[in-house]
Amino acid sequence: MASLLEVSNPPWLENSDVLVHSSDDLPQDINRWQELLGLPPSSGFRVVRRISGKIDLVRRAQIGNAGEVALCMLLEAKWPGAINHVAERDDGFGYDVSASIQNCEWHFEVKSTTRRGRLSFFLSRHEFETGLADNYWKLLVVGLDDELRATCVAEVDKSALKKFAPADRTTAAIWATARYDFGEGQLSPGLSFLPWEQADFRTHRLLTQGTRDQGPNFSWMPTDAGRAAALPILGPP
């Protein structure tokens, strides 16, 4: 059953952490496989948990690196030599990319996703505390298509990170990693905090959700047309 599930990789698998909480939540294909193989329902649940975790770890690394590289390419095209992909050498900074732009050094923690309808990302305690202490730290979400090409960027509201962060109830046990499930209410489109010039926007397609004729439509991406006009697409014009 594990081999079947890993090879078929059904669409629901990447969201099984919120869709499948017990054997009663197993999809019909898993139930059919259990019946054919003569396995109890508890086996199917364990297999789903194991395979979803295994696929997620490998895929997450690929997706994360693709988003970081795409962001570096976008910024490097505008500010050559100013971009440093620090996560390639050391993941202990509390951010992935630094950008020295007009006498200001920005620090970007990058979370990348291919999920259209759900934005879920993990933030370590070190990343969280770095962001609170650093006024030039930004958490950016990069939306990728199925070929891992970046199509949109959003900035996460830092105050929302703090508002929904776990609370330590005792010094004997403290949280180390938190999963956030955010929507457009906690996001702002694009990189509007950077000193873009009007000429820059003419060299890129601008994101206006609902009117784009190509690329995936991410429902978590802010849809306000006025704010979205500040976002250059990552890719050829």
Protein backbone atom coordinates (compact mmCIF):
# COMPACT_ATOMS: atom_id res chain seq x y z
CA MET A 1 0.00 0.00 0.00
CA ALA A 2 2.86 2.37 0.79
CA SER A 3 4.35 1.83 -2.67
CA LEU A 4 0.99 2.42 -4.36
CA LEU A 5 0.41 5.62 -2.44
CA GLU A 6 3.92 6.96 -3.04
CA VAL A 7 3.80 6.31 -6.79
CA SER A 8 0.26 7.59 -7.35
CA ASN A 9 0.73 10.66 -5.11
CA PRO A 10 -2.99 11.62 -5.17
CA PRO A 11 -3.91 15.34 -4.94
CA TRP A 12 -5.26 15.03 -1.40
CA LEU A 13 -1.97 13.66 -0.03
CA GLU A 14 -0.25 17.03 0.43
CA ASN A 15 -3.17 18.19 2.59
CA SER A 16 -3.59 14.94 4.50
CA ASP A 17 -2.36 16.62 7.70
CA VAL A 18 -5.62 18.57 7.87
CA LEU A 19 -7.90 16.16 5.95
CA VAL A 20 -7.04 12.83 7.58
CA HIS A 21 -7.11 12.85 11.38
CA SER A 22 -8.14 9.22 11.93
CA SER A 23 -9.05 6.01 10.08
CA ASP A 24 -12.58 7.39 9.65
CA ASP A 25 -11.21 10.18 7.40
CA LEU A 26 -9.40 7.91 4.92
CA PRO A 27 -10.23 8.58 1.25
CA GLN A 28 -12.07 5.96 -0.82
CA ASP A 29 -8.98 4.86 -2.74
CA ILE A 30 -7.20 3.96 0.51
CA ASN A 31 -10.25 2.06 1.75
CA ARG A 32 -10.42 0.10 -1.52
CA TRP A 33 -6.72 -0.80 -1.31
CA GLN A 34 -7.16 -1.94 2.30
CA GLU A 35 -10.05 -4.16 1.32
CA LEU A 36 -8.16 -5.71 -1.62
CA LEU A 37 -5.04 -6.32 0.47
CA GLY A 38 -6.94 -7.54 3.52
CA LEU A 39 -5.54 -4.86 5.82
CA PRO A 40 -7.22 -3.28 8.85
CA PRO A 41 -8.19 0.46 8.71
CA SER A 42 -5.44 1.38 11.18
CA SER A 43 -2.82 0.25 8.63
CA GLY A 44 -4.09 2.69 6.03
CA PHE A 45 -3.96 5.58 8.45
CA ARG A 46 -0.37 4.80 9.45
CA VAL A 47 0.68 4.49 5.80
CA VAL A 48 -0.87 7.85 4.89
CA ARG A 49 0.91 9.56 7.76
CA ARG A 50 4.27 7.98 6.91
CA ILE A 51 4.20 8.59 3.14
CA SER A 52 2.86 12.13 3.40
CA GLY A 53 5.68 12.99 5.78
CA LYS A 54 8.30 11.37 3.57
CA ILE A 55 7.15 13.09 0.38
CA ASP A 56 6.76 16.40 2.16
CA LEU A 57 10.35 16.46 3.43
CA VAL A 58 11.91 15.84 0.01
CA ARG A 59 9.53 18.08 -1.90
CA ARG A 60 9.75 20.84 0.68
CA ALA A 61 13.51 21.12 0.19
CA GLN A 62 13.12 21.35 -3.59
CA ILE A 63 10.35 23.93 -3.37
CA GLY A 64 12.16 25.99 -0.75
CA ASN A 65 15.35 26.25 -2.77
CA ALA A 66 13.45 27.08 -5.97
CA GLY A 67 11.67 29.99 -4.31
CA GLU A 68 14.87 31.39 -2.80
CA VAL A 69 16.74 31.19 -6.11
CA ALA A 70 13.85 32.82 -8.01
CA LEU A 71 13.73 35.71 -5.56
CA CYS A 72 17.50 36.19 -5.82
CA MET A 73 17.26 36.27 -9.62
CA LEU A 74 14.53 38.90 -9.56
CA LEU A 75 16.42 41.17 -7.18
CA GLU A 76 19.80 40.58 -8.83
CA ALA A 77 18.37 41.69 -12.19
CA LYS A 78 17.50 45.08 -10.66
CA TRP A 79 20.39 45.44 -8.18
CA PRO A 80 23.39 43.46 -9.55
CA GLY A 81 25.86 42.40 -6.88
CA ALA A 82 23.62 43.47 -4.02
CA ILE A 83 22.04 40.07 -3.34
CA ASN A 84 23.50 37.38 -1.09
CA HIS A 85 21.86 33.95 -0.87
CA VAL A 86 23.17 33.25 2.63
CA ALA A 87 21.14 30.04 3.12
CA GLU A 88 23.29 28.32 0.48
CA ARG A 89 26.22 28.45 2.90
CA ASP A 90 24.67 28.63 6.37
CA ASP A 91 21.09 28.23 7.59
CA GLY A 92 21.78 29.76 10.99
CA PHE A 93 21.20 33.43 10.17
CA GLY A 94 17.45 33.40 10.75
CA TYR A 95 16.87 34.45 7.13
CA ASP A 96 17.69 33.12 3.66
CA VAL A 97 18.60 36.15 1.53
CA SER A 98 20.21 39.51 2.28
CA ALA A 99 19.91 42.49 -0.05
CA SER A 100 22.01 45.67 0.25
CA ILE A 101 19.87 48.26 -1.53
CA GLN A 102 20.41 52.01 -1.30
CA ASN A 103 22.31 52.01 2.00
CA CYS A 104 19.84 49.57 3.57
CA GLU A 105 20.45 45.86 4.17
CA TRP A 106 17.24 43.83 4.04
CA HIS A 107 16.99 40.30 5.41
CA PHE A 108 14.45 38.00 3.73
CA GLU A 109 13.16 34.76 5.14
CA VAL A 110 11.59 32.97 2.15
CA LYS A 111 8.76 30.45 2.29
CA SER A 112 7.80 28.85 -1.02
CA THR A 113 4.68 26.89 -1.95
CA THR A 114 2.93 25.23 -4.87
CA ARG A 115 -0.38 24.97 -3.04
CA ARG A 116 -3.12 26.96 -4.73
CA GLY A 117 -5.83 27.05 -2.10
CA ARG A 118 -3.94 26.80 1.16
CA LEU A 119 -0.92 28.64 2.49
CA SER A 120 0.85 26.67 5.19
CA PHE A 121 4.46 27.21 6.25
CA PHE A 122 6.75 26.40 9.15
CA LEU A 123 8.71 29.02 11.07
CA SER A 124 11.47 28.11 13.50
CA ARG A 125 11.80 29.87 16.82
CA HIS A 126 15.15 31.26 15.70
CA GLU A 127 13.58 32.74 12.56
CA PHE A 128 10.70 34.12 14.59
CA GLU A 129 12.91 35.80 17.19
CA THR A 130 15.27 37.13 14.50
CA GLY A 131 12.29 38.77 12.80
CA LEU A 132 11.08 40.41 16.00
CA ALA A 133 14.51 41.86 16.76
CA ASP A 134 15.38 42.98 13.21
CA ASN A 135 13.48 45.92 11.68
CA TYR A 136 14.79 45.01 8.22
CA TRP A 137 13.69 41.36 8.38
CA LYS A 138 10.86 40.41 6.03
CA LEU A 139 9.00 37.12 5.65
CA LEU A 140 8.18 36.57 1.96
CA VAL A 141 6.02 33.87 0.39
CA VAL A 142 6.83 32.81 -3.18
CA GLY A 143 4.12 31.03 -5.19
CA LEU A 144 5.48 28.42 -7.62
CA ASP A 145 3.85 26.62 -10.54
CA ASP A 146 4.11 22.86 -11.08
CA GLU A 147 7.52 23.27 -12.75
CA LEU A 148 8.73 25.22 -9.69
CA ARG A 149 8.81 28.52 -11.56
CA ALA A 150 7.94 31.51 -9.39
CA THR A 151 4.83 33.44 -10.39
CA CYS A 152 4.00 35.66 -7.41
CA VAL A 153 5.35 37.05 -4.15
CA ALA A 154 3.61 38.18 -0.97
CA GLU A 155 4.87 39.72 2.27
CA VAL A 156 3.60 38.25 5.55
CA ASP A 157 2.40 40.68 8.20
CA LYS A 158 4.98 40.48 10.97
CA SER A 159 2.44 41.47 13.61
CA ALA A 160 0.32 38.44 12.61
CA LEU A 161 3.32 36.17 13.18
CA LYS A 162 3.59 37.48 16.72
CA LYS A 163 -0.17 37.41 17.36
CA PHE A 164 -0.58 33.74 16.41
CA ALA A 165 2.74 32.41 17.73
CA PRO A 166 2.59 29.61 20.34
CA ALA A 167 3.01 30.57 23.98
CA ASP A 168 5.46 28.89 26.35
CA ARG A 169 3.58 27.75 29.44
CA THR A 170 6.64 26.63 31.34
CA THR A 171 10.41 26.93 31.13
CA ALA A 172 10.59 23.13 31.15
CA ALA A 173 9.14 22.95 27.62
CA ILE A 174 9.29 25.68 24.96
CA TRP A 175 8.17 25.66 21.34
CA ALA A 176 10.83 25.23 18.63
CA THR A 177 8.84 25.28 15.38
CA ALA A 178 5.37 26.58 14.57
CA ARG A 179 3.13 25.95 11.58
CA TYR A 180 1.17 28.93 10.31
CA ASP A 181 -1.92 28.63 8.11
CA PHE A 182 -2.49 32.10 6.68
CA GLY A 183 -4.68 33.68 4.02
CA GLU A 184 -4.75 36.95 2.15
CA GLY A 185 -5.76 38.80 5.34
CA GLN A 186 -2.24 38.38 6.71
CA LEU A 187 -0.46 39.11 3.42
CA SER A 188 0.48 42.08 1.24
CA PRO A 189 1.30 41.54 -2.44
CA GLY A 190 4.75 42.09 -3.85
CA LEU A 191 7.85 43.89 -2.69
CA SER A 192 6.46 47.39 -2.42
CA PHE A 193 8.82 48.29 0.44
CA LEU A 194 11.75 48.27 -2.01
CA PRO A 195 12.60 51.39 -4.08
CA TRP A 196 11.16 50.24 -7.41
CA GLU A 197 10.98 52.80 -10.20
CA GLN A 198 8.08 53.18 -12.58
CA ALA A 199 10.30 51.99 -15.42
CA ASP A 200 10.77 48.67 -13.63
CA PHE A 201 7.08 47.89 -13.77
CA ARG A 202 6.95 48.33 -17.53
CA THR A 203 9.46 45.48 -17.93
CA HIS A 204 7.25 42.99 -16.06
CA ARG A 205 3.68 41.78 -16.23
CA LEU A 206 1.81 42.95 -13.16
CA LEU A 207 -0.21 40.57 -11.04
CA THR A 208 -3.96 41.21 -11.11
CA GLN A 209 -5.60 38.03 -9.89
CA GLY A 210 -8.59 36.95 -11.88
CA THR A 211 -7.37 38.53 -15.13
CA ARG A 212 -4.12 36.64 -15.74
CA ASP A 213 -4.19 34.36 -18.76
CA GLN A 214 -1.40 32.04 -17.65
CA GLY A 215 0.15 30.67 -14.49
CA PRO A 216 -1.59 29.29 -11.39
CA ASN A 217 -4.12 31.29 -9.42
CA PHE A 218 -3.29 31.21 -5.70
CA SER A 219 -6.39 31.85 -3.61
CA TRP A 220 -4.26 32.96 -0.64
CA MET A 221 -2.72 35.77 -2.69
CA PRO A 222 -4.24 39.22 -1.91
CA THR A 223 -6.70 40.17 -4.65
CA ASP A 224 -6.96 43.93 -4.10
CA ALA A 225 -6.17 45.30 -7.57
CA GLY A 226 -4.80 48.58 -6.26
CA ARG A 227 -2.26 46.92 -3.99
CA ALA A 228 -1.47 44.13 -6.42
CA ALA A 229 -0.29 46.62 -9.01
CA ALA A 230 2.92 46.95 -7.01
CA LEU A 231 3.96 43.37 -7.73
CA PRO A 232 6.26 42.51 -10.65
CA ILE A 233 5.95 38.92 -11.88
CA LEU A 234 9.03 36.74 -11.47
CA GLY A 235 9.84 35.63 -15.01
CA PRO A 236 10.02 36.87 -18.59
CA PRO A 237 7.83 39.88 -19.41
